[in-house]
PDB file of N, CA and C in Angstrom:
ATOM      1  N   UNK A   1       0.825  -1.188   0.000  1.00  0.00           N
ATOM      2  CA  UNK A   1       0.000   0.000   0.000  1.00  0.00           C
ATOM      3  C   UNK A   1       0.871   1.253   0.000  1.00  0.00           C
ATOM      4  N   UNK A   2       1.997   1.222   0.648  1.00  0.00           N
ATOM      5  CA  UNK A   2       2.879   2.375   0.656  1.00  0.00           C
ATOM      6  C   UNK A   2       4.094   2.055  -0.216  1.00  0.00           C
ATOM      7  N   UNK A   3       5.237   2.606   0.059  1.00  0.00           N
ATOM      8  CA  UNK A   3       6.451   2.406  -0.737  1.00  0.00           C
ATOM      9  C   UNK A   3       6.329   3.028  -2.125  1.00  0.00           C
ATOM     10  N   UNK A   4       5.840   4.259  -2.184  1.00  0.00           N
ATOM     11  CA  UNK A   4       5.752   4.965  -3.450  1.00  0.00           C
ATOM     12  C   UNK A   4       6.346   6.362  -3.289  1.00  0.00           C
ATOM     13  N   UNK A   5       6.575   7.015  -4.402  1.00  0.00           N
ATOM     14  CA  UNK A   5       7.204   8.334  -4.403  1.00  0.00           C
ATOM     15  C   UNK A   5       6.301   9.376  -3.747  1.00  0.00           C
ATOM     16  N   UNK A   6       6.888  10.192  -2.901  1.00  0.00           N
ATOM     17  CA  UNK A   6       6.172  11.280  -2.220  1.00  0.00           C
ATOM     18  C   UNK A   6       5.733  12.313  -3.257  1.00  0.00           C
ATOM     19  N   UNK A   7       4.546  12.863  -3.069  1.00  0.00           N
ATOM     20  CA  UNK A   7       4.048  13.868  -4.004  1.00  0.00           C
ATOM     21  C   UNK A   7       4.680  15.249  -3.791  1.00  0.00           C
ATOM     22  N   UNK A   8       5.423  15.451  -2.710  1.00  0.00           N
ATOM     23  CA  UNK A   8       6.015  16.754  -2.413  1.00  0.00           C
ATOM     24  C   UNK A   8       7.527  16.805  -2.612  1.00  0.00           C
ATOM     25  N   UNK A   9       8.184  15.675  -2.590  1.00  0.00           N
ATOM     26  CA  UNK A   9       9.638  15.666  -2.749  1.00  0.00           C
ATOM     27  C   UNK A   9      10.039  14.376  -3.466  1.00  0.00           C
ATOM     28  N   UNK A  10      11.293  14.090  -3.538  1.00  0.00           N
ATOM     29  CA  UNK A  10      11.714  12.863  -4.211  1.00  0.00           C
ATOM     30  C   UNK A  10      11.927  11.710  -3.222  1.00  0.00           C
ATOM     31  N   UNK A  11      11.359  11.828  -2.036  1.00  0.00           N
ATOM     32  CA  UNK A  11      11.442  10.767  -1.034  1.00  0.00           C
ATOM     33  C   UNK A  11      10.432   9.667  -1.320  1.00  0.00           C
ATOM     34  N   UNK A  12      10.395   8.686  -0.428  1.00  0.00           N
ATOM     35  CA  UNK A  12       9.491   7.549  -0.573  1.00  0.00           C
ATOM     36  C   UNK A  12       8.640   7.394   0.676  1.00  0.00           C
ATOM     37  N   UNK A  13       7.333   7.215   0.453  1.00  0.00           N
ATOM     38  CA  UNK A  13       6.423   6.965   1.565  1.00  0.00           C
ATOM     39  C   UNK A  13       6.557   5.526   2.033  1.00  0.00           C
ATOM     40  N   UNK A  14       6.878   5.332   3.285  1.00  0.00           N
ATOM     41  CA  UNK A  14       7.067   3.991   3.850  1.00  0.00           C
ATOM     42  C   UNK A  14       6.062   3.774   4.977  1.00  0.00           C
ATOM     43  N   UNK A  15       5.654   2.530   5.192  1.00  0.00           N
ATOM     44  CA  UNK A  15       4.713   2.263   6.276  1.00  0.00           C
ATOM     45  C   UNK A  15       5.350   2.507   7.643  1.00  0.00           C
ATOM     46  N   UNK A  16       4.568   3.087   8.535  1.00  0.00           N
ATOM     47  CA  UNK A  16       5.033   3.326   9.903  1.00  0.00           C
ATOM     48  C   UNK A  16       3.866   3.102  10.852  1.00  0.00           C
ATOM     49  N   UNK A  17       4.069   2.307  11.855  1.00  0.00           N
ATOM     50  CA  UNK A  17       3.049   2.071  12.882  1.00  0.00           C
ATOM     51  C   UNK A  17       3.119   3.210  13.891  1.00  0.00           C
ATOM     52  N   UNK A  18       1.985   3.848  14.150  1.00  0.00           N
ATOM     53  CA  UNK A  18       1.949   4.963  15.104  1.00  0.00           C
ATOM     54  C   UNK A  18       0.954   4.654  16.210  1.00  0.00           C
ATOM     55  N   UNK A  19       1.264   5.114  17.411  1.00  0.00           N
ATOM     56  CA  UNK A  19       0.387   4.886  18.562  1.00  0.00           C
ATOM     57  C   UNK A  19      -0.865   5.749  18.517  1.00  0.00           C
ATOM     58  N   UNK A  20      -0.687   7.019  18.116  1.00  0.00           N
ATOM     59  CA  UNK A  20      -1.806   7.964  18.077  1.00  0.00           C
ATOM     60  C   UNK A  20      -1.602   8.937  16.928  1.00  0.00           C
ATOM     61  N   UNK A  21      -2.661   9.168  16.172  1.00  0.00           N
ATOM     62  CA  UNK A  21      -2.617  10.116  15.063  1.00  0.00           C
ATOM     63  C   UNK A  21      -3.894  10.941  15.105  1.00  0.00           C
ATOM     64  N   UNK A  22      -3.775  12.270  15.132  1.00  0.00           N
ATOM     65  CA  UNK A  22      -4.934  13.155  15.196  1.00  0.00           C
ATOM     66  C   UNK A  22      -5.350  13.570  13.790  1.00  0.00           C
ATOM     67  N   UNK A  23      -6.650  13.540  13.538  1.00  0.00           N
ATOM     68  CA  UNK A  23      -7.214  13.938  12.255  1.00  0.00           C
ATOM     69  C   UNK A  23      -8.166  15.098  12.475  1.00  0.00           C
ATOM     70  N   UNK A  24      -7.967  16.203  11.770  1.00  0.00           N
ATOM     71  CA  UNK A  24      -8.909  17.326  11.808  1.00  0.00           C
ATOM     72  C   UNK A  24     -10.039  16.980  10.864  1.00  0.00           C
ATOM     73  N   UNK A  25     -11.259  17.096  11.349  1.00  0.00           N
ATOM     74  CA  UNK A  25     -12.418  16.770  10.528  1.00  0.00           C
ATOM     75  C   UNK A  25     -13.546  17.723  10.854  1.00  0.00           C
ATOM     76  N   UNK A  26     -13.964  18.467   9.879  1.00  0.00           N
ATOM     77  CA  UNK A  26     -15.023  19.474  10.039  1.00  0.00           C
ATOM     78  C   UNK A  26     -14.750  20.360  11.244  1.00  0.00           C
ATOM     79  N   UNK A  27     -15.537  20.243  12.313  1.00  0.00           N
ATOM     80  CA  UNK A  27     -15.393  21.121  13.471  1.00  0.00           C
ATOM     81  C   UNK A  27     -14.642  20.494  14.631  1.00  0.00           C
ATOM     82  N   UNK A  28     -13.977  19.385  14.418  1.00  0.00           N
ATOM     83  CA  UNK A  28     -13.314  18.738  15.541  1.00  0.00           C
ATOM     84  C   UNK A  28     -12.168  17.853  15.109  1.00  0.00           C
ATOM     85  N   UNK A  29     -11.772  17.002  16.026  1.00  0.00           N
ATOM     86  CA  UNK A  29     -10.651  16.106  15.803  1.00  0.00           C
ATOM     87  C   UNK A  29     -11.047  14.689  16.187  1.00  0.00           C
ATOM     88  N   UNK A  30     -10.419  13.741  15.521  1.00  0.00           N
ATOM     89  CA  UNK A  30     -10.544  12.334  15.883  1.00  0.00           C
ATOM     90  C   UNK A  30      -9.129  11.818  16.054  1.00  0.00           C
ATOM     91  N   UNK A  31      -8.884  11.112  17.144  1.00  0.00           N
ATOM     92  CA  UNK A  31      -7.579  10.496  17.364  1.00  0.00           C
ATOM     93  C   UNK A  31      -7.726   9.006  17.099  1.00  0.00           C
ATOM     94  N   UNK A  32      -6.948   8.517  16.155  1.00  0.00           N
ATOM     95  CA  UNK A  32      -6.934   7.084  15.848  1.00  0.00           C
ATOM     96  C   UNK A  32      -5.723   6.478  16.537  1.00  0.00           C
ATOM     97  N   UNK A  33      -5.916   5.326  17.153  1.00  0.00           N
ATOM     98  CA  UNK A  33      -4.832   4.665  17.878  1.00  0.00           C
ATOM     99  C   UNK A  33      -4.357   3.425  17.137  1.00  0.00           C
ATOM    100  N   UNK A  34      -3.055   3.171  17.255  1.00  0.00           N
ATOM    101  CA  UNK A  34      -2.439   1.951  16.727  1.00  0.00           C
ATOM    102  C   UNK A  34      -2.793   1.704  15.255  1.00  0.00           C
ATOM    103  N   UNK A  35      -2.405   2.647  14.397  1.00  0.00           N
ATOM    104  CA  UNK A  35      -2.655   2.514  12.967  1.00  0.00           C
ATOM    105  C   UNK A  35      -1.333   2.556  12.201  1.00  0.00           C
ATOM    106  N   UNK A  36      -1.373   2.069  10.976  1.00  0.00           N
ATOM    107  CA  UNK A  36      -0.216   2.149  10.102  1.00  0.00           C
ATOM    108  C   UNK A  36      -0.470   3.243   9.078  1.00  0.00           C
ATOM    109  N   UNK A  37       0.428   4.204   9.030  1.00  0.00           N
ATOM    110  CA  UNK A  37       0.343   5.298   8.071  1.00  0.00           C
ATOM    111  C   UNK A  37       1.547   5.220   7.136  1.00  0.00           C
ATOM    112  N   UNK A  38       1.481   5.981   6.066  1.00  0.00           N
ATOM    113  CA  UNK A  38       2.645   6.135   5.211  1.00  0.00           C
ATOM    114  C   UNK A  38       3.346   7.417   5.605  1.00  0.00           C
ATOM    115  N   UNK A  39       4.660   7.379   5.723  1.00  0.00           N
ATOM    116  CA  UNK A  39       5.422   8.573   6.085  1.00  0.00           C
ATOM    117  C   UNK A  39       6.602   8.685   5.130  1.00  0.00           C
ATOM    118  N   UNK A  40       6.738   9.848   4.503  1.00  0.00           N
ATOM    119  CA  UNK A  40       7.870  10.074   3.612  1.00  0.00           C
ATOM    120  C   UNK A  40       9.143  10.129   4.447  1.00  0.00           C
ATOM    121  N   UNK A  41      10.142   9.356   4.045  1.00  0.00           N
ATOM    122  CA  UNK A  41      11.404   9.312   4.771  1.00  0.00           C
ATOM    123  C   UNK A  41      12.228  10.570   4.623  1.00  0.00           C
ATOM    124  N   UNK A  42      11.886  11.428   3.654  1.00  0.00           N
ATOM    125  CA  UNK A  42      12.662  12.647   3.424  1.00  0.00           C
ATOM    126  C   UNK A  42      11.993  13.884   4.027  1.00  0.00           C
ATOM    127  N   UNK A  43      10.722  14.122   3.691  1.00  0.00           N
ATOM    128  CA  UNK A  43      10.065  15.353   4.161  1.00  0.00           C
ATOM    129  C   UNK A  43       9.079  15.118   5.306  1.00  0.00           C
ATOM    130  N   UNK A  44       8.724  13.861   5.577  1.00  0.00           N
ATOM    131  CA  UNK A  44       7.824  13.561   6.692  1.00  0.00           C
ATOM    132  C   UNK A  44       6.351  13.653   6.378  1.00  0.00           C
ATOM    133  N   UNK A  45       5.981  13.943   5.128  1.00  0.00           N
ATOM    134  CA  UNK A  45       4.563  14.017   4.775  1.00  0.00           C
ATOM    135  C   UNK A  45       3.876  12.692   5.107  1.00  0.00           C
ATOM    136  N   UNK A  46       2.624  12.794   5.576  1.00  0.00           N
ATOM    137  CA  UNK A  46       1.871  11.617   5.989  1.00  0.00           C
ATOM    138  C   UNK A  46       0.887  11.214   4.897  1.00  0.00           C
ATOM    139  N   UNK A  47       0.680   9.913   4.761  1.00  0.00           N
ATOM    140  CA  UNK A  47      -0.288   9.346   3.836  1.00  0.00           C
ATOM    141  C   UNK A  47      -1.159   8.366   4.600  1.00  0.00           C
ATOM    142  N   UNK A  48      -2.462   8.359   4.291  1.00  0.00           N
ATOM    143  CA  UNK A  48      -3.412   7.520   5.012  1.00  0.00           C
ATOM    144  C   UNK A  48      -4.196   6.658   4.041  1.00  0.00           C
ATOM    145  N   UNK A  49      -4.488   5.447   4.449  1.00  0.00           N
ATOM    146  CA  UNK A  49      -5.279   4.551   3.609  1.00  0.00           C
ATOM    147  C   UNK A  49      -6.737   5.006   3.613  1.00  0.00           C
ATOM    148  N   UNK A  50      -7.461   4.579   2.602  1.00  0.00           N
ATOM    149  CA  UNK A  50      -8.885   4.897   2.514  1.00  0.00           C
ATOM    150  C   UNK A  50      -9.643   4.306   3.697  1.00  0.00           C
ATOM    151  N   UNK A  51      -9.230   3.144   4.188  1.00  0.00           N
ATOM    152  CA  UNK A  51      -9.900   2.524   5.344  1.00  0.00           C
ATOM    153  C   UNK A  51      -9.823   3.412   6.574  1.00  0.00           C
ATOM    154  N   UNK A  52      -8.656   3.999   6.802  1.00  0.00           N
ATOM    155  CA  UNK A  52      -8.488   4.888   7.953  1.00  0.00           C
ATOM    156  C   UNK A  52      -9.375   6.115   7.793  1.00  0.00           C
ATOM    157  N   UNK A  53      -9.360   6.722   6.617  1.00  0.00           N
ATOM    158  CA  UNK A  53     -10.153   7.937   6.397  1.00  0.00           C
ATOM    159  C   UNK A  53     -11.652   7.655   6.460  1.00  0.00           C
ATOM    160  N   UNK A  54     -12.082   6.496   5.987  1.00  0.00           N
ATOM    161  CA  UNK A  54     -13.496   6.127   6.102  1.00  0.00           C
ATOM    162  C   UNK A  54     -13.898   5.938   7.568  1.00  0.00           C
ATOM    163  N   UNK A  55     -13.008   5.384   8.368  1.00  0.00           N
ATOM    164  CA  UNK A  55     -13.298   5.186   9.791  1.00  0.00           C
ATOM    165  C   UNK A  55     -13.420   6.533  10.512  1.00  0.00           C
ATOM    166  N   UNK A  56     -12.536   7.471  10.195  1.00  0.00           N
ATOM    167  CA  UNK A  56     -12.625   8.815  10.772  1.00  0.00           C
ATOM    168  C   UNK A  56     -13.971   9.437  10.409  1.00  0.00           C
ATOM    169  N   UNK A  57     -14.367   9.330   9.153  1.00  0.00           N
ATOM    170  CA  UNK A  57     -15.664   9.865   8.699  1.00  0.00           C
ATOM    171  C   UNK A  57     -16.818   9.193   9.432  1.00  0.00           C
ATOM    172  N   UNK A  58     -16.758   7.890   9.601  1.00  0.00           N
ATOM    173  CA  UNK A  58     -17.840   7.175  10.284  1.00  0.00           C
ATOM    174  C   UNK A  58     -17.964   7.611  11.742  1.00  0.00           C
ATOM    175  N   UNK A  59     -16.851   7.823  12.405  1.00  0.00           N
ATOM    176  CA  UNK A  59     -16.880   8.264  13.810  1.00  0.00           C
ATOM    177  C   UNK A  59     -17.432   9.676  13.914  1.00  0.00           C
ATOM    178  N   UNK A  60     -16.967  10.577  13.057  1.00  0.00           N
ATOM    179  CA  UNK A  60     -17.419  11.970  13.159  1.00  0.00           C
ATOM    180  C   UNK A  60     -18.866  12.144  12.742  1.00  0.00           C
ATOM    181  N   UNK A  61     -19.364  11.281  11.867  1.00  0.00           N
ATOM    182  CA  UNK A  61     -20.752  11.403  11.424  1.00  0.00           C
ATOM    183  C   UNK A  61     -21.719  10.655  12.340  1.00  0.00           C
ATOM    184  N   UNK A  62     -21.196   9.928  13.327  1.00  0.00           N
ATOM    185  CA  UNK A  62     -22.042   9.193  14.248  1.00  0.00           C
ATOM    186  C   UNK A  62     -22.452   7.822  13.751  1.00  0.00           C
ATOM    187  N   UNK A  63     -21.928   7.394  12.604  1.00  0.00           N
ATOM    188  CA  UNK A  63     -22.261   6.073  12.061  1.00  0.00           C
ATOM    189  C   UNK A  63     -21.521   4.953  12.793  1.00  0.00           C
ATOM    190  N   UNK A  64     -20.412   5.294  13.433  1.00  0.00           N
ATOM    191  CA  UNK A  64     -19.644   4.321  14.220  1.00  0.00           C
ATOM    192  C   UNK A  64     -19.331   4.952  15.568  1.00  0.00           C
ATOM    193  N   UNK A  65     -19.366   4.154  16.622  1.00  0.00           N
ATOM    194  CA  UNK A  65     -19.074   4.722  17.944  1.00  0.00           C
ATOM    195  C   UNK A  65     -17.580   4.968  18.140  1.00  0.00           C
ATOM    196  N   UNK A  66     -17.281   5.977  18.914  1.00  0.00           N
ATOM    197  CA  UNK A  66     -15.894   6.219  19.327  1.00  0.00           C
ATOM    198  C   UNK A  66     -15.580   5.291  20.491  1.00  0.00           C
ATOM    199  N   UNK A  67     -14.324   4.925  20.629  1.00  0.00           N
ATOM    200  CA  UNK A  67     -13.917   4.075  21.744  1.00  0.00           C
ATOM    201  C   UNK A  67     -13.903   4.840  23.059  1.00  0.00           C
ATOM    202  N   UNK A  68     -13.589   6.137  22.974  1.00  0.00           N
ATOM    203  CA  UNK A  68     -13.509   6.976  24.174  1.00  0.00           C
ATOM    204  C   UNK A  68     -13.515   8.438  23.747  1.00  0.00           C
ATOM    205  N   UNK A  69     -13.664   9.312  24.714  1.00  0.00           N
ATOM    206  CA  UNK A  69     -13.531  10.754  24.476  1.00  0.00           C
ATOM    207  C   UNK A  69     -12.473  11.280  25.417  1.00  0.00           C
ATOM    208  N   UNK A  70     -11.707  12.266  24.928  1.00  0.00           N
ATOM    209  CA  UNK A  70     -10.653  12.870  25.738  1.00  0.00           C
ATOM    210  C   UNK A  70     -10.869  14.368  25.789  1.00  0.00           C
ATOM    211  N   UNK A  71     -10.435  14.953  26.869  1.00  0.00           N
ATOM    212  CA  UNK A  71     -10.511  16.398  27.033  1.00  0.00           C
ATOM    213  C   UNK A  71      -9.353  17.031  26.270  1.00  0.00           C
ATOM    214  N   UNK A  72      -9.644  18.123  25.554  1.00  0.00           N
ATOM    215  CA  UNK A  72      -8.620  18.826  24.790  1.00  0.00           C
ATOM    216  C   UNK A  72      -8.537  20.253  25.303  1.00  0.00           C
ATOM    217  N   UNK A  73      -7.341  20.702  25.578  1.00  0.00           N
ATOM    218  CA  UNK A  73      -7.128  22.074  26.050  1.00  0.00           C
ATOM    219  C   UNK A  73      -7.090  22.994  24.841  1.00  0.00           C
ATOM    220  N   UNK A  74      -7.821  24.120  24.921  1.00  0.00           N
ATOM    221  CA  UNK A  74      -7.888  25.081  23.830  1.00  0.00           C
ATOM    222  C   UNK A  74      -7.453  26.439  24.348  1.00  0.00           C
ATOM    223  N   UNK A  75      -6.637  27.125  23.590  1.00  0.00           N
ATOM    224  CA  UNK A  75      -6.189  28.464  23.967  1.00  0.00           C
ATOM    225  C   UNK A  75      -6.091  29.346  22.748  1.00  0.00           C
ATOM    226  N   UNK A  76      -5.811  30.611  22.969  1.00  0.00           N
ATOM    227  CA  UNK A  76      -5.595  31.534  21.848  1.00  0.00           C
ATOM    228  C   UNK A  76      -4.509  32.524  22.209  1.00  0.00           C
ATOM    229  N   UNK A  77      -3.960  33.126  21.216  1.00  0.00           N
ATOM    230  CA  UNK A  77      -2.916  34.120  21.396  1.00  0.00           C
ATOM    231  C   UNK A  77      -3.567  35.449  21.723  1.00  0.00           C
ATOM    232  N   UNK A  78      -3.287  35.974  22.897  1.00  0.00           N
ATOM    233  CA  UNK A  78      -3.933  37.223  23.318  1.00  0.00           C
ATOM    234  C   UNK A  78      -3.403  38.404  22.542  1.00  0.00           C
TER     235      UNK A  78
END
């Protein structure tokens, strides 16, 4: 699924297992745990499979339950 040329540089996207990855979606965030993403070895750009993105959409739309909710601290620059 990965191991292809990065769209931003001449690096290669390689699979990487990550413990937590945050996704911005509409008005909020979803944190996916223990997933494999593609990461460019040169510039660090991230690539996600369609399965991961569909799961994020299902959670944010209420079609699939979230495993848990976490409190997020929000601030602004005064």
